[in-house]
Amino acid sequence: MSTSKAAQLKGFFKRNGYYRIPDEKMREQLKAGYKKGYEVRLVAMDYKEYLSIRKLLKELGYSPGKAYAKGNRRIVPLYGRDNYKDFKELMTKTKMV
């Protein structure tokens, strides 16, 4: 794994990315009716950033989900508990340049 690629990705994440994690109490109460899962969201300010984020994720072995618009920005999601845990660990270990 390239540390510079991970550092670039960390820069995007630190700027305005975030994690979405399920509410375990709600999941327990609603069972199959609660559809929220683990997700990492990286926010691209423009199309060029969007392409950079997707490329970095793929080069680091992740499979990003379909991007969607939120205001003027594009959200690049990364779904699943394993991806969430791996990404969080990568962000913890990676030093900013």
C-alpha atoms as a PDB file:
ATOM      1  CA  MET A   1       0.000   0.000   0.000  1.00  0.00           C
ATOM      2  CA  SER A   2       1.266   3.430  -0.891  1.00  0.00           C
ATOM      3  CA  THR A   3       1.417   5.751   2.094  1.00  0.00           C
ATOM      4  CA  SER A   4       1.198   8.805  -0.150  1.00  0.00           C
ATOM      5  CA  LYS A   5      -2.091   7.535  -1.621  1.00  0.00           C
ATOM      6  CA  ALA A   6      -3.441   6.863   1.860  1.00  0.00           C
ATOM      7  CA  ALA A   7      -2.280  10.330   2.969  1.00  0.00           C
ATOM      8  CA  GLN A   8      -4.050  11.959   0.005  1.00  0.00           C
ATOM      9  CA  LEU A   9      -7.227  10.063   0.866  1.00  0.00           C
ATOM     10  CA  LYS A  10      -6.890  11.086   4.512  1.00  0.00           C
ATOM     11  CA  GLY A  11      -6.672  14.712   3.387  1.00  0.00           C
ATOM     12  CA  PHE A  12     -10.005  14.404   1.587  1.00  0.00           C
ATOM     13  CA  PHE A  13     -11.562  12.597   4.542  1.00  0.00           C
ATOM     14  CA  LYS A  14     -10.280  15.040   7.189  1.00  0.00           C
ATOM     15  CA  ARG A  15     -11.560  18.003   5.195  1.00  0.00           C
ATOM     16  CA  ASN A  16     -15.221  16.953   5.126  1.00  0.00           C
ATOM     17  CA  GLY A  17     -15.649  13.173   5.063  1.00  0.00           C
ATOM     18  CA  TYR A  18     -17.562  11.314   7.738  1.00  0.00           C
ATOM     19  CA  TYR A  19     -18.727   7.928   8.999  1.00  0.00           C
ATOM     20  CA  ARG A  20     -22.309   6.698   9.220  1.00  0.00           C
ATOM     21  CA  ILE A  21     -22.873   3.865  11.630  1.00  0.00           C
ATOM     22  CA  PRO A  22     -26.146   2.134  12.530  1.00  0.00           C
ATOM     23  CA  ASP A  23     -27.973   2.745  15.786  1.00  0.00           C
ATOM     24  CA  GLU A  24     -27.844  -0.686  17.433  1.00  0.00           C
ATOM     25  CA  LYS A  25     -30.860   0.042  19.667  1.00  0.00           C
ATOM     26  CA  MET A  26     -33.006   0.934  16.659  1.00  0.00           C
ATOM     27  CA  ARG A  27     -31.734  -2.094  14.761  1.00  0.00           C
ATOM     28  CA  GLU A  28     -32.699  -4.330  17.678  1.00  0.00           C
ATOM     29  CA  GLN A  29     -36.162  -2.760  18.009  1.00  0.00           C
ATOM     30  CA  LEU A  30     -37.097  -2.639  14.325  1.00  0.00           C
ATOM     31  CA  LYS A  31     -35.285  -5.794  13.155  1.00  0.00           C
ATOM     32  CA  ALA A  32     -35.748  -6.070   9.364  1.00  0.00           C
ATOM     33  CA  GLY A  33     -37.380  -2.618   9.182  1.00  0.00           C
ATOM     34  CA  TYR A  34     -34.120  -0.862  10.016  1.00  0.00           C
ATOM     35  CA  LYS A  35     -32.053  -0.661   6.847  1.00  0.00           C
ATOM     36  CA  LYS A  36     -29.167   1.591   7.925  1.00  0.00           C
ATOM     37  CA  GLY A  37     -25.697   0.096   7.654  1.00  0.00           C
ATOM     38  CA  TYR A  38     -22.057   1.070   7.961  1.00  0.00           C
ATOM     39  CA  GLU A  39     -20.871   3.715   5.513  1.00  0.00           C
ATOM     40  CA  VAL A  40     -17.893   5.985   4.907  1.00  0.00           C
ATOM     41  CA  ARG A  41     -18.690   9.157   2.974  1.00  0.00           C
ATOM     42  CA  LEU A  42     -16.037  11.147   1.147  1.00  0.00           C
ATOM     43  CA  VAL A  43     -17.136  14.520  -0.202  1.00  0.00           C
ATOM     44  CA  ALA A  44     -15.805  15.755  -3.551  1.00  0.00           C
ATOM     45  CA  MET A  45     -16.031  19.490  -4.169  1.00  0.00           C
ATOM     46  CA  ASP A  46     -15.907  19.100  -7.968  1.00  0.00           C
ATOM     47  CA  TYR A  47     -15.712  16.465 -10.702  1.00  0.00           C
ATOM     48  CA  LYS A  48     -11.913  16.388 -10.703  1.00  0.00           C
ATOM     49  CA  GLU A  49     -11.844  15.606  -6.966  1.00  0.00           C
ATOM     50  CA  TYR A  50     -14.539  12.991  -7.458  1.00  0.00           C
ATOM     51  CA  LEU A  51     -12.357  11.186 -10.013  1.00  0.00           C
ATOM     52  CA  SER A  52      -9.306  11.470  -7.719  1.00  0.00           C
ATOM     53  CA  ILE A  53     -11.157  10.032  -4.718  1.00  0.00           C
ATOM     54  CA  ARG A  54     -12.550   7.091  -6.708  1.00  0.00           C
ATOM     55  CA  LYS A  55      -9.127   6.359  -8.188  1.00  0.00           C
ATOM     56  CA  LEU A  56      -7.421   6.457  -4.765  1.00  0.00           C
ATOM     57  CA  LEU A  57     -10.051   4.170  -3.235  1.00  0.00           C
ATOM     58  CA  LYS A  58      -9.704   1.641  -6.037  1.00  0.00           C
ATOM     59  CA  GLU A  59      -5.897   1.734  -5.894  1.00  0.00           C
ATOM     60  CA  LEU A  60      -6.078   1.032  -2.152  1.00  0.00           C
ATOM     61  CA  GLY A  61      -8.335  -1.984  -2.751  1.00  0.00           C
ATOM     62  CA  TYR A  62     -11.763  -0.524  -1.969  1.00  0.00           C
ATOM     63  CA  SER A  63     -14.888  -0.701  -4.138  1.00  0.00           C
ATOM     64  CA  PRO A  64     -16.693   2.633  -3.822  1.00  0.00           C
ATOM     65  CA  GLY A  65     -20.459   2.704  -4.254  1.00  0.00           C
ATOM     66  CA  LYS A  66     -22.335   4.815  -6.759  1.00  0.00           C
ATOM     67  CA  ALA A  67     -21.689   8.499  -6.112  1.00  0.00           C
ATOM     68  CA  TYR A  68     -24.619  10.868  -5.604  1.00  0.00           C
ATOM     69  CA  ALA A  69     -25.121  14.613  -5.530  1.00  0.00           C
ATOM     70  CA  LYS A  70     -25.621  16.528  -2.298  1.00  0.00           C
ATOM     71  CA  GLY A  71     -25.895  20.229  -2.987  1.00  0.00           C
ATOM     72  CA  ASN A  72     -23.065  21.246  -5.319  1.00  0.00           C
ATOM     73  CA  ARG A  73     -20.909  18.339  -4.195  1.00  0.00           C
ATOM     74  CA  ARG A  74     -20.643  14.633  -4.952  1.00  0.00           C
ATOM     75  CA  ILE A  75     -20.625  12.048  -2.188  1.00  0.00           C
ATOM     76  CA  VAL A  76     -18.480   8.968  -2.791  1.00  0.00           C
ATOM     77  CA  PRO A  77     -19.763   6.228  -0.459  1.00  0.00           C
ATOM     78  CA  LEU A  78     -17.969   3.163   0.793  1.00  0.00           C
ATOM     79  CA  TYR A  79     -20.451   0.610   2.142  1.00  0.00           C
ATOM     80  CA  GLY A  80     -20.139  -2.286   4.579  1.00  0.00           C
ATOM     81  CA  ARG A  81     -18.866  -2.995   8.077  1.00  0.00           C
ATOM     82  CA  ASP A  82     -15.570  -4.492   6.875  1.00  0.00           C
ATOM     83  CA  ASN A  83     -14.854  -1.511   4.594  1.00  0.00           C
ATOM     84  CA  TYR A  84     -15.761   0.842   7.447  1.00  0.00           C
ATOM     85  CA  LYS A  85     -13.396  -0.897   9.876  1.00  0.00           C
ATOM     86  CA  ASP A  86     -10.538  -1.159   7.350  1.00  0.00           C
ATOM     87  CA  PHE A  87     -10.912   2.465   6.274  1.00  0.00           C
ATOM     88  CA  LYS A  88     -11.066   3.731   9.853  1.00  0.00           C
ATOM     89  CA  GLU A  89      -7.923   1.755  10.705  1.00  0.00           C
ATOM     90  CA  LEU A  90      -6.167   3.118   7.604  1.00  0.00           C
ATOM     91  CA  MET A  91      -7.081   6.693   8.578  1.00  0.00           C
ATOM     92  CA  THR A  92      -5.780   6.096  12.124  1.00  0.00           C
ATOM     93  CA  LYS A  93      -2.435   4.685  10.935  1.00  0.00           C
ATOM     94  CA  THR A  94      -1.824   7.172   8.117  1.00  0.00           C
ATOM     95  CA  LYS A  95       0.189  10.301   8.831  1.00  0.00           C
ATOM     96  CA  MET A  96      -0.688  13.550   7.059  1.00  0.00           C
ATOM     97  CA  VAL A  97       1.972  14.897   4.710  1.00  0.00           C
END
